[in-house]
C-alpha atoms as a PDB file:
ATOM      1  CA  MET A   1       3.824 130.967 137.376  1.00  0.00           C
ATOM      2  CA  ASN A   2       1.753 130.584 140.459  1.00  0.00           C
ATOM      3  CA  TYR A   3      -1.779 130.111 141.274  1.00  0.00           C
ATOM      4  CA  ILE A   4      -3.720 131.852 143.636  1.00  0.00           C
ATOM      5  CA  SER A   5      -7.001 132.085 141.572  1.00  0.00           C
ATOM      6  CA  ILE A   6      -9.566 129.999 138.766  1.00  0.00           C
ATOM      7  CA  GLN A   7      -8.351 133.154 137.093  1.00  0.00           C
ATOM      8  CA  ASN A   8      -4.742 131.729 136.758  1.00  0.00           C
ATOM      9  CA  ILE A   9      -6.766 128.700 134.612  1.00  0.00           C
ATOM     10  CA  ASP A  10      -5.607 129.891 131.093  1.00  0.00           C
ATOM     11  CA  SER A  11      -8.485 126.991 129.773  1.00  0.00           C
ATOM     12  CA  LEU A  12     -10.241 125.185 132.006  1.00  0.00           C
ATOM     13  CA  GLU A  13     -11.785 122.092 129.689  1.00  0.00           C
ATOM     14  CA  LYS A  14      -8.022 121.559 128.764  1.00  0.00           C
ATOM     15  CA  TRP A  15      -6.612 121.898 132.531  1.00  0.00           C
ATOM     16  CA  VAL A  16      -9.900 119.202 133.483  1.00  0.00           C
ATOM     17  CA  LYS A  17      -9.068 116.965 131.308  1.00  0.00           C
ATOM     18  CA  GLN A  18      -5.682 117.166 132.300  1.00  0.00           C
ATOM     19  CA  ALA A  19      -6.123 116.453 135.712  1.00  0.00           C
ATOM     20  CA  LEU A  20      -8.585 113.390 134.310  1.00  0.00           C
ATOM     21  CA  LYS A  21      -5.109 111.572 132.324  1.00  0.00           C
ATOM     22  CA  ILE A  22      -3.455 112.315 136.189  1.00  0.00           C
ATOM     23  CA  LYS A  23      -6.419 110.385 137.584  1.00  0.00           C
ATOM     24  CA  LYS A  24      -5.383 107.495 135.620  1.00  0.00           C
ATOM     25  CA  LYS A  25      -1.859 107.147 136.056  1.00  0.00           C
ATOM     26  CA  PRO A  26      -1.213 109.541 139.009  1.00  0.00           C
ATOM     27  CA  LEU A  27       2.103 108.187 138.992  1.00  0.00           C
ATOM     28  CA  LYS A  28       3.247 108.970 135.783  1.00  0.00           C
ATOM     29  CA  ASN A  29       5.475 111.656 136.544  1.00  0.00           C
ATOM     30  CA  LYS A  30       7.064 110.437 139.696  1.00  0.00           C
ATOM     31  CA  LYS A  31      10.558 111.951 138.811  1.00  0.00           C
ATOM     32  CA  LEU A  32       8.822 115.745 137.750  1.00  0.00           C
ATOM     33  CA  GLY A  33       8.900 116.857 140.914  1.00  0.00           C
ATOM     34  CA  LYS A  34      12.258 114.768 142.425  1.00  0.00           C
ATOM     35  CA  ASN A  35      14.466 116.960 144.905  1.00  0.00           C
ATOM     36  CA  LYS A  36      12.059 119.397 144.662  1.00  0.00           C
ATOM     37  CA  THR A  37      10.284 120.437 148.349  1.00  0.00           C
ATOM     38  CA  LEU A  38       6.389 121.389 148.598  1.00  0.00           C
ATOM     39  CA  GLY A  39       6.193 124.355 151.679  1.00  0.00           C
ATOM     40  CA  MET A  40       3.068 123.551 152.877  1.00  0.00           C
ATOM     41  CA  LEU A  41       1.504 126.972 155.770  1.00  0.00           C
ATOM     42  CA  PHE A  42      -1.158 126.382 157.683  1.00  0.00           C
ATOM     43  CA  PHE A  43      -2.625 129.278 159.607  1.00  0.00           C
ATOM     44  CA  ASN A  44      -5.926 127.678 159.254  1.00  0.00           C
ATOM     45  CA  SER A  45      -7.053 123.723 159.936  1.00  0.00           C
ATOM     46  CA  SER A  46      -7.613 121.136 157.748  1.00  0.00           C
ATOM     47  CA  LEU A  47      -8.380 117.812 156.588  1.00  0.00           C
ATOM     48  CA  ARG A  48      -9.123 117.333 153.008  1.00  0.00           C
ATOM     49  CA  THR A  49      -6.630 120.165 150.861  1.00  0.00           C
ATOM     50  CA  ARG A  50      -3.889 119.047 153.437  1.00  0.00           C
ATOM     51  CA  LEU A  51      -4.005 115.049 152.829  1.00  0.00           C
ATOM     52  CA  SER A  52      -4.940 115.796 148.924  1.00  0.00           C
ATOM     53  CA  THR A  53      -1.721 118.161 148.498  1.00  0.00           C
ATOM     54  CA  GLN A  54       0.586 116.067 150.189  1.00  0.00           C
ATOM     55  CA  LYS A  55      -0.888 113.135 148.332  1.00  0.00           C
ATOM     56  CA  ALA A  56      -0.316 114.942 145.346  1.00  0.00           C
ATOM     57  CA  ALA A  57       2.993 116.058 146.138  1.00  0.00           C
ATOM     58  CA  LEU A  58       4.059 113.189 146.532  1.00  0.00           C
ATOM     59  CA  ASN A  59       3.072 111.728 143.945  1.00  0.00           C
ATOM     60  CA  LEU A  60       4.856 113.788 141.924  1.00  0.00           C
ATOM     61  CA  GLY A  61       7.573 112.622 144.033  1.00  0.00           C
ATOM     62  CA  MET A  62       8.268 115.679 146.190  1.00  0.00           C
ATOM     63  CA  ASN A  63       9.420 115.920 149.719  1.00  0.00           C
ATOM     64  CA  VAL A  64       6.252 117.059 151.911  1.00  0.00           C
ATOM     65  CA  MET A  65       6.982 119.972 154.761  1.00  0.00           C
ATOM     66  CA  VAL A  66       4.351 120.849 156.689  1.00  0.00           C
ATOM     67  CA  MET A  67       4.093 124.169 159.665  1.00  0.00           C
ATOM     68  CA  ASN A  68       1.469 124.234 161.476  1.00  0.00           C
ATOM     69  CA  PHE A  69       1.371 128.528 162.342  1.00  0.00           C
ATOM     70  CA  THR A  70      -1.583 128.106 165.001  1.00  0.00           C
ATOM     71  CA  THR A  71       0.567 126.638 166.541  1.00  0.00           C
ATOM     72  CA  GLU A  72       3.922 126.430 165.665  1.00  0.00           C
ATOM     73  CA  GLY A  73       4.413 129.570 164.151  1.00  0.00           C
ATOM     74  CA  TRP A  74       5.849 132.460 165.506  1.00  0.00           C
ATOM     75  CA  THR A  75       3.061 135.275 165.270  1.00  0.00           C
ATOM     76  CA  LEU A  76       3.927 137.503 161.349  1.00  0.00           C
ATOM     77  CA  GLU A  77       3.576 141.637 161.338  1.00  0.00           C
ATOM     78  CA  PHE A  78       2.567 142.011 157.798  1.00  0.00           C
ATOM     79  CA  GLU A  79       2.023 145.589 157.595  1.00  0.00           C
ATOM     80  CA  ASP A  80       5.116 147.981 156.229  1.00  0.00           C
ATOM     81  CA  GLY A  81       6.948 150.178 158.743  1.00  0.00           C
ATOM     82  CA  ALA A  82       5.443 148.844 161.230  1.00  0.00           C
ATOM     83  CA  VAL A  83       6.687 149.206 164.890  1.00  0.00           C
ATOM     84  CA  MET A  84       6.766 145.941 166.422  1.00  0.00           C
ATOM     85  CA  ASN A  85       7.008 146.479 169.965  1.00  0.00           C
ATOM     86  CA  SER A  86       3.815 144.312 170.878  1.00  0.00           C
ATOM     87  CA  GLY A  87       2.542 141.077 170.146  1.00  0.00           C
ATOM     88  CA  SER A  88       3.808 140.122 166.659  1.00  0.00           C
ATOM     89  CA  SER A  89       7.886 138.774 167.008  1.00  0.00           C
ATOM     90  CA  GLU A  90       9.069 137.715 163.257  1.00  0.00           C
ATOM     91  CA  HIS A  91       7.790 140.266 159.768  1.00  0.00           C
ATOM     92  CA  ILE A  92       6.572 138.598 156.791  1.00  0.00           C
ATOM     93  CA  LYS A  93       9.557 140.431 154.758  1.00  0.00           C
ATOM     94  CA  GLU A  94      12.116 137.752 156.920  1.00  0.00           C
ATOM     95  CA  ALA A  95       9.957 134.996 156.741  1.00  0.00           C
ATOM     96  CA  ALA A  96       8.905 134.913 152.968  1.00  0.00           C
ATOM     97  CA  ALA A  97      12.146 135.076 152.314  1.00  0.00           C
ATOM     98  CA  VAL A  98      13.144 132.625 154.873  1.00  0.00           C
ATOM     99  CA  VAL A  99      10.897 129.426 153.697  1.00  0.00           C
ATOM    100  CA  SER A 100      11.184 130.531 149.875  1.00  0.00           C
ATOM    101  CA  GLN A 101      15.277 128.814 150.633  1.00  0.00           C
ATOM    102  CA  TYR A 102      13.852 126.070 152.176  1.00  0.00           C
ATOM    103  CA  CYS A 103      10.944 125.274 149.404  1.00  0.00           C
ATOM    104  CA  ASP A 104      11.011 125.492 145.400  1.00  0.00           C
ATOM    105  CA  ILE A 105       6.641 125.612 145.680  1.00  0.00           C
ATOM    106  CA  ILE A 106       4.819 127.511 148.659  1.00  0.00           C
ATOM    107  CA  ALA A 107       0.919 126.530 149.550  1.00  0.00           C
ATOM    108  CA  ILE A 108      -0.856 129.062 152.079  1.00  0.00           C
ATOM    109  CA  ARG A 109      -4.236 127.834 154.045  1.00  0.00           C
ATOM    110  CA  ALA A 110      -5.442 131.696 155.324  1.00  0.00           C
ATOM    111  CA  PHE A 111      -8.974 131.976 156.266  1.00  0.00           C
ATOM    112  CA  ALA A 112     -11.427 135.363 156.132  1.00  0.00           C
ATOM    113  CA  GLY A 113     -11.363 136.685 160.066  1.00  0.00           C
ATOM    114  CA  LEU A 114     -14.676 137.809 159.072  1.00  0.00           C
ATOM    115  CA  ILE A 115     -14.367 140.745 160.989  1.00  0.00           C
ATOM    116  CA  ASP A 116     -12.723 143.689 158.707  1.00  0.00           C
ATOM    117  CA  LYS A 117     -13.778 142.840 154.968  1.00  0.00           C
ATOM    118  CA  GLU A 118     -11.311 145.272 153.379  1.00  0.00           C
ATOM    119  CA  LYS A 119      -8.447 143.537 154.815  1.00  0.00           C
ATOM    120  CA  ASP A 120      -9.951 140.469 153.770  1.00  0.00           C
ATOM    121  CA  ASN A 121     -10.486 141.802 150.535  1.00  0.00           C
ATOM    122  CA  ALA A 122      -6.755 142.950 150.996  1.00  0.00           C
ATOM    123  CA  GLU A 123      -5.511 139.108 151.029  1.00  0.00           C
ATOM    124  CA  ILE A 124      -2.985 139.781 153.396  1.00  0.00           C
ATOM    125  CA  VAL A 125      -1.699 136.737 154.603  1.00  0.00           C
ATOM    126  CA  LEU A 126      -1.376 135.156 150.935  1.00  0.00           C
ATOM    127  CA  SER A 127      -0.469 139.187 149.280  1.00  0.00           C
ATOM    128  CA  GLY A 128       2.144 139.147 152.134  1.00  0.00           C
ATOM    129  CA  PHE A 129       4.225 135.793 150.565  1.00  0.00           C
ATOM    130  CA  LEU A 130       3.072 136.692 147.133  1.00  0.00           C
ATOM    131  CA  LYS A 131       5.159 139.785 147.529  1.00  0.00           C
ATOM    132  CA  HIS A 132       8.298 138.743 149.149  1.00  0.00           C
ATOM    133  CA  ALA A 133       8.700 134.994 148.445  1.00  0.00           C
ATOM    134  CA  THR A 134      10.922 133.885 145.517  1.00  0.00           C
ATOM    135  CA  VAL A 135       8.964 130.916 144.313  1.00  0.00           C
ATOM    136  CA  PRO A 136       6.097 130.595 143.306  1.00  0.00           C
ATOM    137  CA  ILE A 137       2.523 130.643 146.161  1.00  0.00           C
ATOM    138  CA  VAL A 138      -0.604 128.112 145.471  1.00  0.00           C
ATOM    139  CA  ASN A 139      -3.364 129.805 147.394  1.00  0.00           C
ATOM    140  CA  MET A 140      -4.965 126.245 149.510  1.00  0.00           C
ATOM    141  CA  GLU A 141      -7.833 129.026 150.602  1.00  0.00           C
ATOM    142  CA  SER A 142      -7.428 132.227 151.229  1.00  0.00           C
ATOM    143  CA  ALA A 143     -10.461 134.639 152.708  1.00  0.00           C
ATOM    144  CA  THR A 144     -12.053 135.095 149.448  1.00  0.00           C
ATOM    145  CA  GLY A 145     -11.502 132.074 147.578  1.00  0.00           C
ATOM    146  CA  HIS A 146     -10.853 128.070 147.611  1.00  0.00           C
ATOM    147  CA  PRO A 147      -9.302 127.515 143.671  1.00  0.00           C
ATOM    148  CA  LEU A 148      -7.848 124.458 144.231  1.00  0.00           C
ATOM    149  CA  GLN A 149     -11.619 122.908 145.717  1.00  0.00           C
ATOM    150  CA  SER A 150     -13.364 124.197 143.020  1.00  0.00           C
ATOM    151  CA  LEU A 151     -10.999 122.842 140.894  1.00  0.00           C
ATOM    152  CA  ALA A 152     -11.701 119.906 142.110  1.00  0.00           C
ATOM    153  CA  ASP A 153     -15.808 120.423 141.147  1.00  0.00           C
ATOM    154  CA  ALA A 154     -15.060 121.124 137.290  1.00  0.00           C
ATOM    155  CA  ILE A 155     -12.907 118.351 137.219  1.00  0.00           C
ATOM    156  CA  THR A 156     -16.442 115.954 138.954  1.00  0.00           C
ATOM    157  CA  MET A 157     -18.814 117.728 136.942  1.00  0.00           C
ATOM    158  CA  ALA A 158     -17.069 116.275 134.293  1.00  0.00           C
ATOM    159  CA  GLU A 159     -16.914 113.003 134.934  1.00  0.00           C
ATOM    160  CA  HIS A 160     -21.345 113.577 135.379  1.00  0.00           C
ATOM    161  CA  LYS A 161     -21.089 115.804 132.604  1.00  0.00           C
ATOM    162  CA  THR A 162     -24.766 115.745 130.913  1.00  0.00           C
ATOM    163  CA  LYS A 163     -25.769 115.100 127.292  1.00  0.00           C
ATOM    164  CA  HIS A 164     -27.413 118.672 127.412  1.00  0.00           C
ATOM    165  CA  LYS A 165     -26.498 122.090 128.560  1.00  0.00           C
ATOM    166  CA  PRO A 166     -25.998 121.472 132.391  1.00  0.00           C
ATOM    167  CA  LYS A 167     -28.575 123.481 135.043  1.00  0.00           C
ATOM    168  CA  VAL A 168     -25.912 123.947 138.167  1.00  0.00           C
ATOM    169  CA  VAL A 169     -27.519 125.223 141.222  1.00  0.00           C
ATOM    170  CA  LEU A 170     -25.405 126.977 143.866  1.00  0.00           C
ATOM    171  CA  SER A 171     -27.821 126.887 146.965  1.00  0.00           C
ATOM    172  CA  TRP A 172     -26.547 129.136 150.364  1.00  0.00           C
ATOM    173  CA  ALA A 173     -28.051 126.357 153.283  1.00  0.00           C
ATOM    174  CA  PRO A 174     -28.040 127.471 157.223  1.00  0.00           C
ATOM    175  CA  HIS A 175     -25.256 127.073 159.635  1.00  0.00           C
ATOM    176  CA  PRO A 176     -24.569 127.384 163.486  1.00  0.00           C
ATOM    177  CA  LYS A 177     -21.179 129.150 162.552  1.00  0.00           C
ATOM    178  CA  ALA A 178     -20.278 132.628 160.233  1.00  0.00           C
ATOM    179  CA  LEU A 179     -18.463 130.580 157.587  1.00  0.00           C
ATOM    180  CA  PRO A 180     -16.368 132.792 154.711  1.00  0.00           C
ATOM    181  CA  GLN A 181     -17.651 133.885 151.488  1.00  0.00           C
ATOM    182  CA  ALA A 182     -13.931 131.586 149.787  1.00  0.00           C
ATOM    183  CA  VAL A 183     -15.361 127.872 148.640  1.00  0.00           C
ATOM    184  CA  ALA A 184     -18.691 130.007 147.034  1.00  0.00           C
ATOM    185  CA  ASN A 185     -16.366 133.012 145.181  1.00  0.00           C
ATOM    186  CA  SER A 186     -14.135 130.538 143.644  1.00  0.00           C
ATOM    187  CA  PHE A 187     -17.290 128.203 142.304  1.00  0.00           C
ATOM    188  CA  VAL A 188     -19.550 131.307 141.226  1.00  0.00           C
ATOM    189  CA  GLU A 189     -16.040 132.631 138.880  1.00  0.00           C
ATOM    190  CA  MET A 190     -15.456 128.760 137.780  1.00  0.00           C
ATOM    191  CA  MET A 191     -18.641 128.496 135.948  1.00  0.00           C
ATOM    192  CA  GLN A 192     -18.609 131.389 134.721  1.00  0.00           C
ATOM    193  CA  LEU A 193     -16.215 129.830 132.915  1.00  0.00           C
ATOM    194  CA  GLN A 194     -18.463 126.924 132.106  1.00  0.00           C
ATOM    195  CA  ASP A 195     -21.246 126.252 129.272  1.00  0.00           C
ATOM    196  CA  ALA A 196     -23.766 125.514 131.718  1.00  0.00           C
ATOM    197  CA  GLU A 197     -27.370 127.560 133.333  1.00  0.00           C
ATOM    198  CA  PHE A 198     -25.923 128.494 136.655  1.00  0.00           C
ATOM    199  CA  VAL A 199     -28.128 130.287 139.105  1.00  0.00           C
ATOM    200  CA  ILE A 200     -27.188 131.276 142.633  1.00  0.00           C
ATOM    201  CA  THR A 201     -29.747 130.351 145.236  1.00  0.00           C
ATOM    202  CA  HIS A 202     -30.363 132.611 149.013  1.00  0.00           C
ATOM    203  CA  PRO A 203     -32.286 134.323 151.323  1.00  0.00           C
ATOM    204  CA  GLU A 204     -32.262 138.120 150.299  1.00  0.00           C
ATOM    205  CA  GLY A 205     -29.436 140.007 151.695  1.00  0.00           C
ATOM    206  CA  TYR A 206     -26.594 136.515 151.525  1.00  0.00           C
ATOM    207  CA  GLU A 207     -25.423 138.310 148.141  1.00  0.00           C
ATOM    208  CA  LEU A 208     -22.011 137.456 147.240  1.00  0.00           C
ATOM    209  CA  ASN A 209     -19.717 140.577 146.399  1.00  0.00           C
ATOM    210  CA  SER A 210     -21.023 141.274 143.525  1.00  0.00           C
ATOM    211  CA  GLU A 211     -17.934 142.092 141.475  1.00  0.00           C
ATOM    212  CA  ILE A 212     -17.527 138.172 141.667  1.00  0.00           C
ATOM    213  CA  THR A 213     -21.126 137.012 141.031  1.00  0.00           C
ATOM    214  CA  LYS A 214     -21.048 140.148 138.545  1.00  0.00           C
ATOM    215  CA  ASP A 215     -24.623 138.776 135.904  1.00  0.00           C
ATOM    216  CA  SER A 216     -25.118 135.744 137.358  1.00  0.00           C
ATOM    217  CA  LYS A 217     -28.595 134.617 137.942  1.00  0.00           C
ATOM    218  CA  ILE A 218     -29.717 135.395 141.617  1.00  0.00           C
ATOM    219  CA  GLU A 219     -32.996 133.598 142.462  1.00  0.00           C
ATOM    220  CA  TYR A 220     -34.500 133.954 145.892  1.00  0.00           C
ATOM    221  CA  ASP A 221     -36.868 131.500 145.284  1.00  0.00           C
ATOM    222  CA  GLN A 222     -34.630 128.265 146.451  1.00  0.00           C
ATOM    223  CA  ASN A 223     -37.523 125.741 145.526  1.00  0.00           C
ATOM    224  CA  LYS A 224     -38.013 127.577 142.371  1.00  0.00           C
ATOM    225  CA  ALA A 225     -34.328 127.906 141.449  1.00  0.00           C
ATOM    226  CA  PHE A 226     -34.396 123.852 141.780  1.00  0.00           C
ATOM    227  CA  GLU A 227     -36.275 123.177 139.110  1.00  0.00           C
ATOM    228  CA  ASN A 228     -35.014 120.720 136.565  1.00  0.00           C
ATOM    229  CA  ALA A 229     -31.063 121.209 137.721  1.00  0.00           C
ATOM    230  CA  ASP A 230     -28.266 118.923 137.214  1.00  0.00           C
ATOM    231  CA  PHE A 231     -26.215 119.731 139.345  1.00  0.00           C
ATOM    232  CA  ILE A 232     -26.660 121.326 143.111  1.00  0.00           C
ATOM    233  CA  TYR A 233     -23.653 122.530 144.844  1.00  0.00           C
ATOM    234  CA  THR A 234     -24.590 124.084 148.743  1.00  0.00           C
ATOM    235  CA  LYS A 235     -22.688 126.097 150.727  1.00  0.00           C
ATOM    236  CA  ASN A 236     -23.264 128.734 153.912  1.00  0.00           C
ATOM    237  CA  TRP A 237     -21.349 131.757 153.993  1.00  0.00           C
ATOM    238  CA  SER A 238     -22.407 134.398 156.330  1.00  0.00           C
ATOM    239  CA  ASN A 239     -23.408 137.703 155.481  1.00  0.00           C
ATOM    240  CA  TYR A 240     -21.527 139.767 153.660  1.00  0.00           C
ATOM    241  CA  ASN A 241     -23.173 143.430 153.477  1.00  0.00           C
ATOM    242  CA  GLU A 242     -23.033 142.498 157.177  1.00  0.00           C
ATOM    243  CA  TYR A 243     -19.994 141.664 156.601  1.00  0.00           C
ATOM    244  CA  GLY A 244     -19.181 138.472 158.756  1.00  0.00           C
ATOM    245  CA  LYS A 245     -22.623 138.268 160.427  1.00  0.00           C
ATOM    246  CA  ILE A 246     -25.174 135.182 160.487  1.00  0.00           C
ATOM    247  CA  THR A 247     -28.623 137.700 159.867  1.00  0.00           C
ATOM    248  CA  ASN A 248     -30.187 134.176 158.961  1.00  0.00           C
ATOM    249  CA  THR A 249     -30.612 130.725 160.043  1.00  0.00           C
ATOM    250  CA  ASP A 250     -34.406 129.868 158.726  1.00  0.00           C
ATOM    251  CA  SER A 251     -34.312 125.767 158.261  1.00  0.00           C
ATOM    252  CA  ASN A 252     -36.557 125.915 155.408  1.00  0.00           C
ATOM    253  CA  TRP A 253     -33.256 126.518 153.376  1.00  0.00           C
ATOM    254  CA  THR A 254     -31.765 123.061 154.516  1.00  0.00           C
ATOM    255  CA  VAL A 255     -31.382 121.080 151.135  1.00  0.00           C
ATOM    256  CA  THR A 256     -34.325 118.096 151.550  1.00  0.00           C
ATOM    257  CA  ALA A 257     -34.921 114.870 149.489  1.00  0.00           C
ATOM    258  CA  GLU A 258     -38.555 116.598 149.382  1.00  0.00           C
ATOM    259  CA  LYS A 259     -36.642 119.090 147.225  1.00  0.00           C
ATOM    260  CA  MET A 260     -34.295 117.057 145.152  1.00  0.00           C
ATOM    261  CA  LYS A 261     -37.776 115.990 143.599  1.00  0.00           C
ATOM    262  CA  LEU A 262     -37.850 119.363 141.819  1.00  0.00           C
ATOM    263  CA  THR A 263     -34.645 118.342 139.745  1.00  0.00           C
ATOM    264  CA  ASN A 264     -34.097 116.781 137.042  1.00  0.00           C
ATOM    265  CA  ASN A 265     -32.291 113.898 139.378  1.00  0.00           C
ATOM    266  CA  ALA A 266     -29.297 116.299 139.620  1.00  0.00           C
ATOM    267  CA  LYS A 267     -26.229 115.621 141.527  1.00  0.00           C
ATOM    268  CA  PHE A 268     -25.322 116.919 144.998  1.00  0.00           C
ATOM    269  CA  MET A 269     -21.955 118.406 145.372  1.00  0.00           C
ATOM    270  CA  HIS A 270     -20.541 119.958 148.651  1.00  0.00           C
ATOM    271  CA  CYS A 271     -16.755 120.814 149.435  1.00  0.00           C
ATOM    272  CA  LEU A 272     -17.628 118.943 153.116  1.00  0.00           C
ATOM    273  CA  PRO A 273     -17.133 119.088 155.990  1.00  0.00           C
ATOM    274  CA  VAL A 274     -20.693 119.714 156.227  1.00  0.00           C
ATOM    275  CA  ARG A 275     -23.032 120.075 159.306  1.00  0.00           C
ATOM    276  CA  ARG A 276     -25.643 117.085 158.741  1.00  0.00           C
ATOM    277  CA  ASN A 277     -29.575 117.584 159.242  1.00  0.00           C
ATOM    278  CA  VAL A 278     -28.195 121.099 158.773  1.00  0.00           C
ATOM    279  CA  ILE A 279     -26.600 122.562 155.241  1.00  0.00           C
ATOM    280  CA  VAL A 280     -28.458 119.356 153.958  1.00  0.00           C
ATOM    281  CA  THR A 281     -30.941 115.725 155.069  1.00  0.00           C
ATOM    282  CA  ASP A 282     -29.076 112.316 155.636  1.00  0.00           C
ATOM    283  CA  GLU A 283     -31.211 111.541 153.529  1.00  0.00           C
ATOM    284  CA  VAL A 284     -29.657 113.823 150.409  1.00  0.00           C
ATOM    285  CA  LEU A 285     -26.517 113.278 151.373  1.00  0.00           C
ATOM    286  CA  ASP A 286     -26.004 109.311 151.770  1.00  0.00           C
ATOM    287  CA  SER A 287     -28.151 108.679 148.449  1.00  0.00           C
ATOM    288  CA  GLU A 288     -26.475 107.218 145.167  1.00  0.00           C
ATOM    289  CA  ASN A 289     -26.923 111.337 143.739  1.00  0.00           C
ATOM    290  CA  SER A 290     -24.734 112.149 146.678  1.00  0.00           C
ATOM    291  CA  ILE A 291     -21.222 113.089 145.317  1.00  0.00           C
ATOM    292  CA  VAL A 292     -19.367 114.329 147.853  1.00  0.00           C
ATOM    293  CA  ILE A 293     -17.189 111.433 148.183  1.00  0.00           C
ATOM    294  CA  GLU A 294     -15.916 112.281 144.809  1.00  0.00           C
ATOM    295  CA  GLN A 295     -15.202 115.754 145.217  1.00  0.00           C
ATOM    296  CA  ALA A 296     -13.099 114.789 147.972  1.00  0.00           C
ATOM    297  CA  ASN A 297     -10.819 112.714 146.413  1.00  0.00           C
ATOM    298  CA  ASN A 298      -9.935 114.660 143.000  1.00  0.00           C
ATOM    299  CA  ARG A 299      -8.591 117.541 145.337  1.00  0.00           C
ATOM    300  CA  THR A 300      -5.704 115.030 144.729  1.00  0.00           C
ATOM    301  CA  TYR A 301      -6.092 115.426 141.216  1.00  0.00           C
ATOM    302  CA  ALA A 302      -7.258 118.850 140.882  1.00  0.00           C
ATOM    303  CA  ALA A 303      -3.511 119.713 143.072  1.00  0.00           C
ATOM    304  CA  GLN A 304      -1.593 118.047 141.236  1.00  0.00           C
ATOM    305  CA  VAL A 305      -2.328 119.208 137.880  1.00  0.00           C
ATOM    306  CA  VAL A 306      -1.326 122.348 139.773  1.00  0.00           C
ATOM    307  CA  LEU A 307       1.453 121.519 141.030  1.00  0.00           C
ATOM    308  CA  GLN A 308       2.755 119.568 137.707  1.00  0.00           C
ATOM    309  CA  LYS A 309       2.047 122.742 136.079  1.00  0.00           C
ATOM    310  CA  ILE A 310       3.922 124.715 137.938  1.00  0.00           C
ATOM    311  CA  LEU A 311       7.117 122.518 138.232  1.00  0.00           C
ATOM    312  CA  LYS A 312       6.946 122.294 134.400  1.00  0.00           C
ATOM    313  CA  SER A 313       6.814 125.612 133.697  1.00  0.00           C
ATOM    314  CA  SER A 314       8.903 127.984 136.654  1.00  0.00           C
ATOM    315  CA  PRO A 315      12.294 127.182 136.888  1.00  0.00           C
ATOM    316  CA  THR A 316      13.158 127.422 140.620  1.00  0.00           C
ATOM    317  CA  PRO A 317      15.725 130.230 141.630  1.00  0.00           C
ATOM    318  CA  PRO A 318      18.902 129.319 143.216  1.00  0.00           C
ATOM    319  CA  LYS A 319      18.387 129.478 146.880  1.00  0.00           C
ATOM    320  CA  GLU A 320      21.852 130.254 147.942  1.00  0.00           C
ATOM    321  CA  GLY A 321      23.291 133.785 147.976  1.00  0.00           C
ATOM    322  CA  LEU A 322      19.604 135.624 148.518  1.00  0.00           C
ATOM    323  CA  PHE A 323      21.114 137.476 150.924  1.00  0.00           C
ATOM    324  CA  LYS A 324      24.706 138.801 149.152  1.00  0.00           C
ATOM    325  CA  SER A 325      26.103 141.965 149.547  1.00  0.00           C
ATOM    326  CA  LYS A 326      26.082 144.104 146.917  1.00  0.00           C
ATOM    327  CA  SER A 327      30.298 143.988 146.499  1.00  0.00           C
ATOM    328  CA  ALA A 328      29.843 140.171 146.245  1.00  0.00           C
ATOM    329  CA  LYS A 329      31.322 138.459 143.158  1.00  0.00           C
END
């Protein structure tokens, strides 16, 4: 079993309920991961993802190894048939096979480059490990998705569920740097599994990949989108059509207390880190309706339910003898 996308969840409702049970007794399955090792490979920076996933593994009794490829690993080559006479020192074929011998589960974080859309959509790093590793793979945020975050978001929303069918709004907000679409993509995919009125709001031209948004409602008027909302999830993403570019920095899209007054006393959500008074004002972020810290806490239980399911459903193949010759007995 791999956890690559929110689509890998067979029943979001069941997974959320299991995660909430884990949250009440996080050490109940401490023996499940005994003598098992989680290898965490980072091609990009991390705070919540690294610490929450590591804590989840420790809660299950696993050993954890962490490697930052940006500073500690060889530069990897991912192209089949490549003539490696320039920058890359090691091919993914060997790297993935070797790491698989050391670990029972490999978790990978590799962002979009935001230069080549086709390359990012191909998920070069994640796909390379999926192809050549011999153990389960967990996506800790890839070029196009962040399914651990969206599962944590679903857990958090379940804890604050309304008695009525909720209205949930995903709102773009300005940012000085070009950011990937990964978090927004996975949130959209998660919301498509929910019984909710879901609206995406952003400036015209900032549409996400239509293969992901499908028939989700898009509203270009942020104020209109906010009306009677129960949850406001705010996130920046760079332009998908003019790929990776910042074509709008309109501060009128910043989430303010005045805009939150249009809602049904909505909860404010963000995956963090967040740029204060750019994405959202201090007044909103520090308000009682802000549940961003709770979201961050639930990252542990999202990761833990994923690791627990993998440990229970995917027996680890023997690591010795992976490269035995055909003549070996």
